[in-house]
Amino acid sequence: MQSTSDGYVVLRGSLALPVAPVLLVLDLETRGFRLSRDGEDILIQPFSKLTADDKQSLKMWKRHVLAPLDYQAPEIACGRLGGRG
């Protein structure tokens, strides 16, 4: 994950997201929430533990929170550099 100076995070595979919703998702996961996608809806468990600020942020950043829930990073080919060993 690379953060650019203009407030975006670029994930492998060129998915670019504003920093704020990325930090929101990381904060929620750190606090024990499980996020998933159901069509155009965000499913959050346990929903009852969300604060009013959490709900407001999720509403504001919904489209950006949904994007990484389906994101799958492209595979990186692994190999050796240099001699044998």
C-alpha atoms as a PDB file:
ATOM      1  CA  MET A   1       0.000   0.000   0.000  1.00  0.00           C
ATOM      2  CA  GLN A   2       1.439   3.353  -1.039  1.00  0.00           C
ATOM      3  CA  SER A   3       0.145   6.704   0.161  1.00  0.00           C
ATOM      4  CA  THR A   4       0.589   9.643  -2.169  1.00  0.00           C
ATOM      5  CA  SER A   5       1.071  13.224  -1.058  1.00  0.00           C
ATOM      6  CA  ASP A   6      -2.342  14.297  -2.375  1.00  0.00           C
ATOM      7  CA  GLY A   7      -4.267  12.125   0.059  1.00  0.00           C
ATOM      8  CA  TYR A   8      -4.708   8.880  -1.871  1.00  0.00           C
ATOM      9  CA  VAL A   9      -3.636   5.312  -1.212  1.00  0.00           C
ATOM     10  CA  VAL A  10      -2.667   3.243  -4.247  1.00  0.00           C
ATOM     11  CA  LEU A  11      -3.021  -0.506  -3.826  1.00  0.00           C
ATOM     12  CA  ARG A  12      -1.216  -3.052  -5.966  1.00  0.00           C
ATOM     13  CA  GLY A  13      -3.136  -3.288  -9.208  1.00  0.00           C
ATOM     14  CA  SER A  14      -3.656   0.484  -9.347  1.00  0.00           C
ATOM     15  CA  LEU A  15      -6.763   0.758  -7.162  1.00  0.00           C
ATOM     16  CA  ALA A  16      -6.560   4.322  -5.809  1.00  0.00           C
ATOM     17  CA  LEU A  17      -8.644   5.381  -2.818  1.00  0.00           C
ATOM     18  CA  PRO A  18      -8.757   8.504  -0.664  1.00  0.00           C
ATOM     19  CA  VAL A  19      -6.873   8.004   2.613  1.00  0.00           C
ATOM     20  CA  ALA A  20      -9.897   8.763   4.854  1.00  0.00           C
ATOM     21  CA  PRO A  21     -12.058   5.727   3.940  1.00  0.00           C
ATOM     22  CA  VAL A  22      -9.022   3.424   4.046  1.00  0.00           C
ATOM     23  CA  LEU A  23      -8.275   4.611   7.584  1.00  0.00           C
ATOM     24  CA  LEU A  24     -11.965   4.221   8.469  1.00  0.00           C
ATOM     25  CA  VAL A  25     -11.998   0.578   7.356  1.00  0.00           C
ATOM     26  CA  LEU A  26      -8.726  -0.154   9.176  1.00  0.00           C
ATOM     27  CA  ASP A  27     -10.047   1.501  12.347  1.00  0.00           C
ATOM     28  CA  LEU A  28     -13.291  -0.487  12.245  1.00  0.00           C
ATOM     29  CA  GLU A  29     -11.432  -3.767  11.682  1.00  0.00           C
ATOM     30  CA  THR A  30      -9.021  -2.948  14.522  1.00  0.00           C
ATOM     31  CA  ARG A  31     -12.034  -2.384  16.786  1.00  0.00           C
ATOM     32  CA  GLY A  32     -13.379  -5.847  15.925  1.00  0.00           C
ATOM     33  CA  PHE A  33     -15.945  -5.044  13.235  1.00  0.00           C
ATOM     34  CA  ARG A  34     -16.378  -7.397  10.279  1.00  0.00           C
ATOM     35  CA  LEU A  35     -17.172  -5.704   6.985  1.00  0.00           C
ATOM     36  CA  SER A  36     -18.518  -7.356   3.863  1.00  0.00           C
ATOM     37  CA  ARG A  37     -20.466  -6.401   0.779  1.00  0.00           C
ATOM     38  CA  ASP A  38     -24.009  -7.352  -0.167  1.00  0.00           C
ATOM     39  CA  GLY A  39     -24.650  -5.830  -3.581  1.00  0.00           C
ATOM     40  CA  GLU A  40     -24.504  -2.081  -3.050  1.00  0.00           C
ATOM     41  CA  ASP A  41     -24.774  -2.377   0.740  1.00  0.00           C
ATOM     42  CA  ILE A  42     -22.084  -2.615   3.395  1.00  0.00           C
ATOM     43  CA  LEU A  43     -22.742  -5.322   5.972  1.00  0.00           C
ATOM     44  CA  ILE A  44     -21.150  -4.575   9.338  1.00  0.00           C
ATOM     45  CA  GLN A  45     -21.139  -6.813  12.369  1.00  0.00           C
ATOM     46  CA  PRO A  46     -21.820  -6.009  15.125  1.00  0.00           C
ATOM     47  CA  PHE A  47     -23.870  -3.102  13.737  1.00  0.00           C
ATOM     48  CA  SER A  48     -25.195  -2.168  17.185  1.00  0.00           C
ATOM     49  CA  LYS A  49     -21.674  -1.189  18.345  1.00  0.00           C
ATOM     50  CA  LEU A  50     -21.203   1.489  15.638  1.00  0.00           C
ATOM     51  CA  THR A  51     -21.071   5.041  16.940  1.00  0.00           C
ATOM     52  CA  ALA A  52     -22.990   7.910  15.361  1.00  0.00           C
ATOM     53  CA  ASP A  53     -19.663   9.159  13.936  1.00  0.00           C
ATOM     54  CA  ASP A  54     -18.961   5.711  12.446  1.00  0.00           C
ATOM     55  CA  LYS A  55     -22.359   5.681  10.749  1.00  0.00           C
ATOM     56  CA  GLN A  56     -21.915   9.207   9.408  1.00  0.00           C
ATOM     57  CA  SER A  57     -18.446   8.374   8.036  1.00  0.00           C
ATOM     58  CA  LEU A  58     -19.693   5.162   6.447  1.00  0.00           C
ATOM     59  CA  LYS A  59     -22.549   6.998   4.796  1.00  0.00           C
ATOM     60  CA  MET A  60     -20.205   9.699   3.475  1.00  0.00           C
ATOM     61  CA  TRP A  61     -17.567   7.231   2.209  1.00  0.00           C
ATOM     62  CA  LYS A  62     -19.853   4.321   1.231  1.00  0.00           C
ATOM     63  CA  ARG A  63     -18.704   4.059  -2.380  1.00  0.00           C
ATOM     64  CA  HIS A  64     -15.040   4.151  -1.328  1.00  0.00           C
ATOM     65  CA  VAL A  65     -15.549   1.640   1.490  1.00  0.00           C
ATOM     66  CA  LEU A  66     -17.250  -0.809  -0.906  1.00  0.00           C
ATOM     67  CA  ALA A  67     -14.344  -0.774  -3.387  1.00  0.00           C
ATOM     68  CA  PRO A  68     -11.712  -2.546  -1.264  1.00  0.00           C
ATOM     69  CA  LEU A  69     -14.224  -5.115   0.027  1.00  0.00           C
ATOM     70  CA  ASP A  70     -14.100  -6.797  -3.406  1.00  0.00           C
ATOM     71  CA  TYR A  71     -10.469  -5.956  -4.121  1.00  0.00           C
ATOM     72  CA  GLN A  72      -8.111  -8.798  -4.915  1.00  0.00           C
ATOM     73  CA  ALA A  73      -4.481  -7.857  -5.370  1.00  0.00           C
ATOM     74  CA  PRO A  74      -2.826  -9.278  -8.469  1.00  0.00           C
ATOM     75  CA  GLU A  75      -0.339 -12.048  -7.845  1.00  0.00           C
ATOM     76  CA  ILE A  76       3.334 -11.196  -7.857  1.00  0.00           C
ATOM     77  CA  ALA A  77       5.680 -13.576  -9.603  1.00  0.00           C
ATOM     78  CA  CYS A  78       8.352 -14.747  -7.201  1.00  0.00           C
ATOM     79  CA  GLY A  79      11.846 -15.602  -8.287  1.00  0.00           C
ATOM     80  CA  ARG A  80      15.434 -15.440  -7.239  1.00  0.00           C
ATOM     81  CA  LEU A  81      17.882 -12.740  -8.046  1.00  0.00           C
ATOM     82  CA  GLY A  82      21.557 -13.497  -8.436  1.00  0.00           C
ATOM     83  CA  GLY A  83      23.409 -16.769  -8.248  1.00  0.00           C
ATOM     84  CA  ARG A  84      22.480 -20.178  -6.991  1.00  0.00           C
ATOM     85  CA  GLY A  85      21.518 -20.996  -3.570  1.00  0.00           C
END
